[in-house]
């Protein structure tokens, strides 16, 4: 990968981080294949089916056992849509 592409993918991950509803931490992830194709993306947040309530997001004891890292969400998204990583 070239430095130019690395910067592009990092900029995209930074943009995707803004999709997180976590008021204290926003992290984005871009999974890229060997031919520079984007395989999956993710951001830190609750898994599907868990409501993103303000009360849950602002209470660490409620948030941390449930919240997923951006990388976890990218892997789960790829698996859900049948993309091999």
N, C-alpha and C. Protein backbone atom coordinates (compact mmCIF):
# COMPACT_ATOMS: atom_id res chain seq x y z
N UNK A 1 0.85 -1.17 0.00
CA UNK A 1 0.00 0.00 0.00
C UNK A 1 0.90 1.24 0.00
N UNK A 2 0.47 2.24 -0.66
CA UNK A 2 1.25 3.48 -0.70
C UNK A 2 0.81 4.41 0.43
N UNK A 3 1.67 5.35 0.75
CA UNK A 3 1.36 6.31 1.80
C UNK A 3 0.10 7.12 1.45
N UNK A 4 -0.08 7.41 0.17
CA UNK A 4 -1.26 8.15 -0.28
C UNK A 4 -2.54 7.39 0.08
N UNK A 5 -2.55 6.08 -0.19
CA UNK A 5 -3.74 5.28 0.11
C UNK A 5 -3.92 5.12 1.61
N UNK A 6 -2.81 4.94 2.34
CA UNK A 6 -2.91 4.86 3.80
C UNK A 6 -3.61 6.10 4.36
N UNK A 7 -3.21 7.26 3.88
CA UNK A 7 -3.81 8.51 4.36
C UNK A 7 -5.30 8.58 4.01
N UNK A 8 -5.66 8.11 2.83
CA UNK A 8 -7.07 8.11 2.43
C UNK A 8 -7.91 7.21 3.34
N UNK A 9 -7.40 6.01 3.60
CA UNK A 9 -8.15 5.08 4.44
C UNK A 9 -8.22 5.58 5.89
N UNK A 10 -7.15 6.20 6.38
CA UNK A 10 -7.18 6.77 7.72
C UNK A 10 -8.17 7.93 7.80
N UNK A 11 -8.24 8.74 6.76
CA UNK A 11 -9.22 9.83 6.73
C UNK A 11 -10.64 9.27 6.73
N UNK A 12 -10.86 8.19 5.99
CA UNK A 12 -12.18 7.56 5.96
C UNK A 12 -12.53 7.00 7.34
N UNK A 13 -11.57 6.35 8.00
CA UNK A 13 -11.81 5.82 9.35
C UNK A 13 -12.15 6.95 10.31
N UNK A 14 -11.49 8.07 10.17
CA UNK A 14 -11.78 9.23 11.02
C UNK A 14 -13.20 9.74 10.76
N UNK A 15 -13.62 9.76 9.52
CA UNK A 15 -14.98 10.17 9.19
C UNK A 15 -16.00 9.19 9.78
N UNK A 16 -15.75 7.91 9.63
CA UNK A 16 -16.65 6.87 10.13
C UNK A 16 -16.75 6.94 11.65
N UNK A 17 -15.66 7.33 12.32
CA UNK A 17 -15.68 7.46 13.78
C UNK A 17 -16.79 8.41 14.23
N UNK A 18 -17.09 9.40 13.42
CA UNK A 18 -18.15 10.35 13.74
C UNK A 18 -19.54 9.74 13.78
N UNK A 19 -19.69 8.53 13.27
CA UNK A 19 -20.98 7.85 13.31
C UNK A 19 -21.28 7.26 14.68
N UNK A 20 -20.24 7.12 15.53
CA UNK A 20 -20.42 6.56 16.86
C UNK A 20 -21.27 7.50 17.70
N UNK A 21 -22.17 6.94 18.50
CA UNK A 21 -23.01 7.74 19.38
C UNK A 21 -22.41 7.86 20.78
N UNK A 22 -21.25 7.23 21.00
CA UNK A 22 -20.58 7.31 22.29
C UNK A 22 -20.11 8.75 22.53
N UNK A 23 -20.59 9.39 23.60
CA UNK A 23 -20.22 10.79 23.81
C UNK A 23 -18.77 11.00 24.23
N UNK A 24 -18.09 9.95 24.69
CA UNK A 24 -16.72 10.13 25.18
C UNK A 24 -15.65 9.64 24.22
N UNK A 25 -15.97 8.69 23.36
CA UNK A 25 -14.95 8.12 22.47
C UNK A 25 -15.58 7.77 21.13
N UNK A 26 -14.97 8.23 20.06
CA UNK A 26 -15.41 7.86 18.71
C UNK A 26 -14.22 7.24 17.97
N UNK A 27 -14.41 6.00 17.52
CA UNK A 27 -13.36 5.28 16.79
C UNK A 27 -13.97 4.70 15.53
N UNK A 28 -13.26 4.81 14.42
CA UNK A 28 -13.70 4.23 13.16
C UNK A 28 -12.69 3.21 12.67
N UNK A 29 -13.15 2.31 11.82
CA UNK A 29 -12.30 1.24 11.30
C UNK A 29 -12.63 1.02 9.83
N UNK A 30 -11.59 0.81 9.02
CA UNK A 30 -11.76 0.45 7.62
C UNK A 30 -10.91 -0.79 7.38
N UNK A 31 -11.53 -1.88 6.96
CA UNK A 31 -10.81 -3.10 6.63
C UNK A 31 -10.59 -3.10 5.12
N UNK A 32 -9.32 -3.18 4.73
CA UNK A 32 -8.94 -3.03 3.33
C UNK A 32 -8.28 -4.31 2.83
N UNK A 33 -8.67 -4.75 1.64
CA UNK A 33 -8.08 -5.93 1.03
C UNK A 33 -6.77 -5.61 0.32
N UNK A 34 -6.10 -6.65 -0.18
CA UNK A 34 -4.79 -6.47 -0.80
C UNK A 34 -4.80 -5.62 -2.07
N UNK A 35 -5.95 -5.50 -2.71
CA UNK A 35 -6.06 -4.69 -3.93
C UNK A 35 -6.67 -3.32 -3.64
N UNK A 36 -6.53 -2.87 -2.40
CA UNK A 36 -7.05 -1.58 -1.94
C UNK A 36 -8.57 -1.49 -1.96
N UNK A 37 -9.24 -2.61 -1.96
CA UNK A 37 -10.70 -2.57 -1.93
C UNK A 37 -11.15 -2.57 -0.47
N UNK A 38 -12.15 -1.77 -0.19
CA UNK A 38 -12.69 -1.70 1.16
C UNK A 38 -13.57 -2.92 1.36
N UNK A 39 -13.21 -3.74 2.35
CA UNK A 39 -13.97 -4.96 2.63
C UNK A 39 -15.07 -4.73 3.66
N UNK A 40 -14.80 -3.86 4.63
CA UNK A 40 -15.79 -3.59 5.66
C UNK A 40 -15.41 -2.32 6.40
N UNK A 41 -16.38 -1.78 7.11
CA UNK A 41 -16.15 -0.62 7.97
C UNK A 41 -16.87 -0.85 9.29
N UNK A 42 -16.47 -0.11 10.29
CA UNK A 42 -17.14 -0.21 11.58
C UNK A 42 -16.81 0.98 12.45
N UNK A 43 -17.58 1.14 13.50
CA UNK A 43 -17.33 2.19 14.49
C UNK A 43 -17.74 1.65 15.85
N UNK A 44 -17.18 2.24 16.92
CA UNK A 44 -17.50 1.73 18.24
C UNK A 44 -18.95 2.06 18.58
N UNK A 45 -19.61 1.07 19.16
CA UNK A 45 -21.01 1.24 19.53
C UNK A 45 -21.60 -0.07 19.99
N UNK A 46 -22.85 -0.01 20.34
CA UNK A 46 -23.54 -1.22 20.79
C UNK A 46 -23.85 -2.12 19.60
N UNK A 47 -23.89 -3.42 19.84
CA UNK A 47 -24.25 -4.33 18.75
C UNK A 47 -25.70 -4.15 18.34
N UNK A 48 -26.04 -4.70 17.20
CA UNK A 48 -27.43 -4.64 16.74
C UNK A 48 -28.36 -5.19 17.81
N UNK A 49 -29.48 -4.52 17.96
CA UNK A 49 -30.48 -4.98 18.93
C UNK A 49 -30.35 -4.33 20.30
N UNK A 50 -29.26 -3.62 20.55
CA UNK A 50 -29.09 -2.91 21.82
C UNK A 50 -29.36 -1.43 21.58
N UNK A 51 -30.33 -0.88 22.29
CA UNK A 51 -30.72 0.51 22.08
C UNK A 51 -29.61 1.47 22.49
N UNK A 52 -29.36 2.48 21.67
CA UNK A 52 -28.35 3.51 21.94
C UNK A 52 -28.94 4.61 22.81
N UNK A 53 -29.41 4.27 23.99
CA UNK A 53 -30.02 5.29 24.85
C UNK A 53 -28.94 6.16 25.48
N UNK A 54 -29.28 7.42 25.71
CA UNK A 54 -28.35 8.36 26.34
C UNK A 54 -27.96 7.85 27.73
N UNK A 55 -28.93 7.34 28.48
CA UNK A 55 -28.64 6.84 29.83
C UNK A 55 -27.61 5.72 29.79
N UNK A 56 -27.74 4.83 28.84
CA UNK A 56 -26.80 3.71 28.72
C UNK A 56 -25.42 4.20 28.26
N UNK A 57 -25.40 5.14 27.32
CA UNK A 57 -24.13 5.64 26.80
C UNK A 57 -23.35 6.47 27.82
N UNK A 58 -24.05 7.14 28.72
CA UNK A 58 -23.37 8.00 29.69
C UNK A 58 -23.03 7.30 31.00
N UNK A 59 -23.46 6.06 31.18
CA UNK A 59 -23.18 5.31 32.39
C UNK A 59 -22.16 4.21 32.05
N UNK A 60 -20.93 4.39 32.53
CA UNK A 60 -19.85 3.44 32.18
C UNK A 60 -20.17 2.01 32.62
N UNK A 61 -20.81 1.84 33.76
CA UNK A 61 -21.13 0.49 34.23
C UNK A 61 -22.11 -0.22 33.30
N UNK A 62 -22.98 0.54 32.66
CA UNK A 62 -23.91 -0.04 31.70
C UNK A 62 -23.29 -0.16 30.31
N UNK A 63 -22.45 0.81 29.96
CA UNK A 63 -21.90 0.90 28.60
C UNK A 63 -20.82 -0.14 28.33
N UNK A 64 -19.80 -0.21 29.19
CA UNK A 64 -18.62 -1.00 28.85
C UNK A 64 -18.86 -2.51 28.69
N UNK A 65 -19.76 -3.13 29.44
CA UNK A 65 -19.98 -4.56 29.19
C UNK A 65 -20.62 -4.85 27.83
N UNK A 66 -21.26 -3.84 27.23
CA UNK A 66 -22.02 -4.06 26.00
C UNK A 66 -21.36 -3.50 24.74
N UNK A 67 -20.61 -2.42 24.87
CA UNK A 67 -20.12 -1.70 23.68
C UNK A 67 -19.06 -2.53 22.95
N UNK A 68 -19.07 -2.43 21.64
CA UNK A 68 -18.11 -3.16 20.80
C UNK A 68 -17.12 -2.18 20.19
N UNK A 69 -15.89 -2.63 20.07
CA UNK A 69 -14.86 -1.84 19.39
C UNK A 69 -15.21 -1.72 17.91
N UNK A 70 -14.67 -0.70 17.28
CA UNK A 70 -14.90 -0.47 15.85
C UNK A 70 -14.47 -1.69 15.03
N UNK A 71 -13.34 -2.28 15.41
CA UNK A 71 -12.82 -3.44 14.67
C UNK A 71 -13.76 -4.64 14.79
N UNK A 72 -14.30 -4.84 15.99
CA UNK A 72 -15.27 -5.93 16.19
C UNK A 72 -16.49 -5.72 15.30
N UNK A 73 -16.99 -4.50 15.29
CA UNK A 73 -18.17 -4.21 14.48
C UNK A 73 -17.89 -4.39 12.99
N UNK A 74 -16.68 -4.04 12.54
CA UNK A 74 -16.33 -4.23 11.14
C UNK A 74 -16.29 -5.72 10.79
N UNK A 75 -15.75 -6.53 11.68
CA UNK A 75 -15.69 -7.98 11.45
C UNK A 75 -17.09 -8.58 11.45
N UNK A 76 -17.93 -8.17 12.41
CA UNK A 76 -19.30 -8.70 12.46
C UNK A 76 -20.09 -8.27 11.23
N UNK A 77 -19.87 -7.04 10.77
CA UNK A 77 -20.56 -6.56 9.57
C UNK A 77 -20.15 -7.39 8.35
N UNK A 78 -18.86 -7.65 8.21
CA UNK A 78 -18.38 -8.45 7.08
C UNK A 78 -19.00 -9.85 7.12
N UNK A 79 -19.03 -10.46 8.30
CA UNK A 79 -19.62 -11.80 8.43
C UNK A 79 -21.10 -11.78 8.08
N UNK A 80 -21.80 -10.74 8.51
CA UNK A 80 -23.24 -10.64 8.25
C UNK A 80 -23.55 -10.56 6.77
N UNK A 81 -22.68 -9.89 5.99
CA UNK A 81 -22.95 -9.74 4.56
C UNK A 81 -22.14 -10.70 3.69
N UNK A 82 -21.43 -11.65 4.34
CA UNK A 82 -20.74 -12.70 3.60
C UNK A 82 -19.43 -12.30 2.96
N UNK A 83 -18.75 -11.31 3.53
CA UNK A 83 -17.46 -10.87 3.00
C UNK A 83 -16.34 -11.57 3.76
N UNK A 84 -15.44 -12.19 3.04
CA UNK A 84 -14.30 -12.86 3.65
C UNK A 84 -13.21 -11.84 3.97
N UNK A 85 -12.69 -11.94 5.18
CA UNK A 85 -11.59 -11.06 5.57
C UNK A 85 -10.33 -11.89 5.66
